[in-house]
Amino acid sequence: MDPGEIKRLIEAGFNSPMVEVVSDDNTHFQTTVVAAEFEGKRPLARHQLVYRTLGGLVGNEIHALSIRALTPEEWQQQTG
């Protein structure tokens, strides 16, 4: 699966997110998602929001997905 397609699917599930998706083999992916919807949510709930945007692709076309889910404020603190 193309990382660009995964990026588009995640972006469609959030209001104005920043999304990066990388993969060396197009089956194992790493993503960073920065979205206001994560505010006040624990890591598991944040990951569930991302998984929801990808539906049945996870475990099929997407064999493995590493998620870094941050609020805009957390992103700003980490990137300076």
N, C-alpha and C. Protein backbone atom coordinates (compact mmCIF):
# COMPACT_ATOMS: atom_id res chain seq x y z
N MET A 1 0.85 -1.18 0.00
CA MET A 1 0.00 0.00 0.00
C MET A 1 0.89 1.24 0.00
N ASP A 2 0.48 2.24 -0.69
CA ASP A 2 1.24 3.48 -0.83
C ASP A 2 1.09 4.37 0.41
N PRO A 3 2.20 4.86 0.98
CA PRO A 3 2.12 5.75 2.14
C PRO A 3 1.26 6.99 1.88
N GLY A 4 1.26 7.47 0.65
CA GLY A 4 0.44 8.64 0.31
C GLY A 4 -1.04 8.37 0.47
N GLU A 5 -1.48 7.17 0.13
CA GLU A 5 -2.89 6.81 0.27
C GLU A 5 -3.26 6.72 1.75
N ILE A 6 -2.38 6.16 2.56
CA ILE A 6 -2.64 6.10 4.01
C ILE A 6 -2.73 7.51 4.57
N LYS A 7 -1.84 8.38 4.14
CA LYS A 7 -1.87 9.78 4.58
C LYS A 7 -3.21 10.42 4.24
N ARG A 8 -3.69 10.23 3.02
CA ARG A 8 -4.96 10.82 2.60
C ARG A 8 -6.13 10.29 3.44
N LEU A 9 -6.12 8.99 3.74
CA LEU A 9 -7.20 8.41 4.55
C LEU A 9 -7.20 8.99 5.96
N ILE A 10 -6.02 9.11 6.55
CA ILE A 10 -5.94 9.67 7.91
C ILE A 10 -6.38 11.13 7.89
N GLU A 11 -5.89 11.90 6.92
CA GLU A 11 -6.26 13.31 6.84
C GLU A 11 -7.76 13.50 6.72
N ALA A 12 -8.42 12.61 5.99
CA ALA A 12 -9.87 12.72 5.79
C ALA A 12 -10.65 12.52 7.09
N GLY A 13 -10.03 11.85 8.07
CA GLY A 13 -10.73 11.55 9.32
C GLY A 13 -10.56 12.59 10.41
N PHE A 14 -9.80 13.64 10.13
CA PHE A 14 -9.55 14.67 11.13
C PHE A 14 -9.78 16.05 10.52
N ASN A 15 -9.96 17.04 11.39
CA ASN A 15 -10.13 18.42 10.95
C ASN A 15 -8.78 19.12 10.97
N SER A 16 -8.19 19.34 9.81
CA SER A 16 -6.92 20.05 9.65
C SER A 16 -5.75 19.40 10.39
N PRO A 17 -5.50 18.11 10.18
CA PRO A 17 -4.37 17.48 10.85
C PRO A 17 -3.06 17.72 10.10
N MET A 18 -1.95 17.42 10.76
CA MET A 18 -0.66 17.33 10.10
C MET A 18 -0.33 15.83 10.14
N VAL A 19 -0.10 15.23 8.99
CA VAL A 19 0.12 13.79 8.92
C VAL A 19 1.37 13.50 8.11
N GLU A 20 2.23 12.64 8.66
CA GLU A 20 3.39 12.12 7.95
C GLU A 20 3.31 10.59 8.00
N VAL A 21 3.56 9.95 6.88
CA VAL A 21 3.56 8.48 6.82
C VAL A 21 4.81 8.05 6.06
N VAL A 22 5.58 7.12 6.65
CA VAL A 22 6.75 6.59 5.97
C VAL A 22 6.73 5.07 6.03
N SER A 23 7.38 4.45 5.03
CA SER A 23 7.47 3.00 4.97
C SER A 23 8.68 2.61 4.12
N ASP A 24 9.37 1.56 4.55
CA ASP A 24 10.47 1.02 3.75
C ASP A 24 10.00 -0.07 2.80
N ASP A 25 8.85 -0.70 3.12
CA ASP A 25 8.43 -1.86 2.34
C ASP A 25 6.95 -1.85 1.92
N ASN A 26 6.24 -0.76 2.19
CA ASN A 26 4.82 -0.60 1.84
C ASN A 26 3.90 -1.62 2.51
N THR A 27 4.35 -2.23 3.62
CA THR A 27 3.46 -3.05 4.46
C THR A 27 3.62 -2.68 5.93
N HIS A 28 4.79 -2.16 6.31
CA HIS A 28 5.06 -1.70 7.66
C HIS A 28 5.20 -0.18 7.60
N PHE A 29 4.40 0.53 8.42
CA PHE A 29 4.34 1.98 8.31
C PHE A 29 4.57 2.64 9.66
N GLN A 30 5.11 3.86 9.59
CA GLN A 30 5.24 4.72 10.76
C GLN A 30 4.50 6.01 10.43
N THR A 31 3.69 6.48 11.35
CA THR A 31 2.96 7.71 11.11
C THR A 31 3.03 8.64 12.31
N THR A 32 3.08 9.91 12.00
CA THR A 32 2.93 10.96 13.00
C THR A 32 1.68 11.73 12.63
N VAL A 33 0.77 11.84 13.59
CA VAL A 33 -0.47 12.56 13.36
C VAL A 33 -0.60 13.63 14.44
N VAL A 34 -0.75 14.86 14.00
CA VAL A 34 -0.95 15.98 14.92
C VAL A 34 -2.36 16.51 14.67
N ALA A 35 -3.21 16.42 15.70
CA ALA A 35 -4.60 16.82 15.53
C ALA A 35 -5.19 17.31 16.84
N ALA A 36 -6.02 18.33 16.74
CA ALA A 36 -6.69 18.89 17.92
C ALA A 36 -7.63 17.87 18.56
N GLU A 37 -8.11 16.92 17.78
CA GLU A 37 -9.04 15.90 18.31
C GLU A 37 -8.40 15.04 19.39
N PHE A 38 -7.09 15.04 19.50
CA PHE A 38 -6.41 14.23 20.52
C PHE A 38 -6.40 14.89 21.90
N GLU A 39 -6.76 16.16 21.96
CA GLU A 39 -6.74 16.90 23.22
C GLU A 39 -7.58 16.18 24.28
N GLY A 40 -6.96 15.93 25.44
CA GLY A 40 -7.64 15.30 26.56
C GLY A 40 -7.81 13.80 26.45
N LYS A 41 -7.25 13.20 25.40
CA LYS A 41 -7.39 11.75 25.21
C LYS A 41 -6.09 11.03 25.56
N ARG A 42 -6.23 9.84 26.11
CA ARG A 42 -5.07 9.01 26.41
C ARG A 42 -4.54 8.39 25.13
N PRO A 43 -3.29 7.87 25.18
CA PRO A 43 -2.69 7.31 23.96
C PRO A 43 -3.55 6.25 23.26
N LEU A 44 -4.17 5.35 24.01
CA LEU A 44 -4.98 4.31 23.37
C LEU A 44 -6.14 4.92 22.60
N ALA A 45 -6.81 5.89 23.16
CA ALA A 45 -7.94 6.53 22.47
C ALA A 45 -7.46 7.27 21.23
N ARG A 46 -6.29 7.87 21.30
CA ARG A 46 -5.73 8.55 20.14
C ARG A 46 -5.45 7.56 19.01
N HIS A 47 -4.86 6.43 19.37
CA HIS A 47 -4.56 5.40 18.37
C HIS A 47 -5.85 4.86 17.75
N GLN A 48 -6.88 4.69 18.57
CA GLN A 48 -8.15 4.20 18.06
C GLN A 48 -8.74 5.16 17.03
N LEU A 49 -8.59 6.46 17.27
CA LEU A 49 -9.07 7.44 16.30
C LEU A 49 -8.35 7.30 14.96
N VAL A 50 -7.05 7.05 15.02
CA VAL A 50 -6.28 6.86 13.79
C VAL A 50 -6.70 5.56 13.10
N TYR A 51 -6.79 4.47 13.86
CA TYR A 51 -7.20 3.19 13.28
C TYR A 51 -8.57 3.30 12.61
N ARG A 52 -9.47 4.06 13.21
CA ARG A 52 -10.82 4.21 12.66
C ARG A 52 -10.77 4.79 11.25
N THR A 53 -9.81 5.67 10.97
CA THR A 53 -9.72 6.27 9.63
C THR A 53 -9.27 5.26 8.58
N LEU A 54 -8.63 4.17 9.02
CA LEU A 54 -8.08 3.19 8.09
C LEU A 54 -8.93 1.94 7.94
N GLY A 55 -9.90 1.76 8.83
CA GLY A 55 -10.82 0.64 8.72
C GLY A 55 -10.14 -0.70 8.63
N GLY A 56 -10.60 -1.53 7.71
CA GLY A 56 -10.12 -2.90 7.55
C GLY A 56 -8.75 -3.03 6.90
N LEU A 57 -8.12 -1.92 6.56
CA LEU A 57 -6.78 -2.00 5.96
C LEU A 57 -5.74 -2.47 6.97
N VAL A 58 -5.94 -2.09 8.25
CA VAL A 58 -4.99 -2.49 9.29
C VAL A 58 -5.12 -3.99 9.51
N GLY A 59 -3.99 -4.68 9.43
CA GLY A 59 -3.99 -6.13 9.57
C GLY A 59 -4.09 -6.83 8.21
N ASN A 60 -4.38 -6.08 7.18
CA ASN A 60 -4.46 -6.63 5.83
C ASN A 60 -3.39 -5.95 4.97
N GLU A 61 -3.77 -4.93 4.19
CA GLU A 61 -2.78 -4.22 3.38
C GLU A 61 -1.72 -3.54 4.26
N ILE A 62 -2.16 -3.08 5.43
CA ILE A 62 -1.24 -2.47 6.39
C ILE A 62 -0.92 -3.53 7.43
N HIS A 63 0.23 -4.17 7.27
CA HIS A 63 0.61 -5.26 8.17
C HIS A 63 0.92 -4.75 9.57
N ALA A 64 1.62 -3.61 9.66
CA ALA A 64 1.98 -3.03 10.96
C ALA A 64 1.98 -1.51 10.84
N LEU A 65 1.51 -0.86 11.91
CA LEU A 65 1.42 0.59 11.91
C LEU A 65 1.89 1.13 13.26
N SER A 66 2.95 1.91 13.23
CA SER A 66 3.45 2.59 14.43
C SER A 66 2.88 4.00 14.41
N ILE A 67 2.22 4.40 15.50
CA ILE A 67 1.54 5.69 15.53
C ILE A 67 2.14 6.60 16.60
N ARG A 68 2.45 7.80 16.20
CA ARG A 68 2.83 8.88 17.12
C ARG A 68 1.71 9.91 16.99
N ALA A 69 0.85 10.02 18.01
CA ALA A 69 -0.32 10.89 17.96
C ALA A 69 -0.17 12.02 18.98
N LEU A 70 -0.13 13.24 18.48
CA LEU A 70 0.12 14.40 19.33
C LEU A 70 -0.91 15.51 19.10
N THR A 71 -1.15 16.30 20.14
CA THR A 71 -1.94 17.51 19.97
C THR A 71 -1.03 18.57 19.35
N PRO A 72 -1.61 19.62 18.77
CA PRO A 72 -0.76 20.69 18.23
C PRO A 72 0.17 21.28 19.29
N GLU A 73 -0.29 21.42 20.52
CA GLU A 73 0.56 21.96 21.59
C GLU A 73 1.73 21.02 21.89
N GLU A 74 1.46 19.72 21.96
CA GLU A 74 2.53 18.75 22.20
C GLU A 74 3.55 18.77 21.07
N TRP A 75 3.07 18.89 19.83
CA TRP A 75 3.94 18.94 18.67
C TRP A 75 4.83 20.19 18.76
N GLN A 76 4.24 21.31 19.10
CA GLN A 76 4.99 22.56 19.21
C GLN A 76 6.08 22.44 20.28
N GLN A 77 5.76 21.82 21.40
CA GLN A 77 6.74 21.64 22.48
C GLN A 77 7.90 20.76 22.03
N GLN A 78 7.61 19.75 21.23
CA GLN A 78 8.66 18.81 20.80
C GLN A 78 9.51 19.35 19.66
N THR A 79 8.94 20.21 18.84
CA THR A 79 9.67 20.70 17.68
C THR A 79 10.21 22.11 17.88
N GLY A 80 9.81 22.72 18.97
CA GLY A 80 10.36 24.03 19.32
C GLY A 80 9.73 25.14 18.61
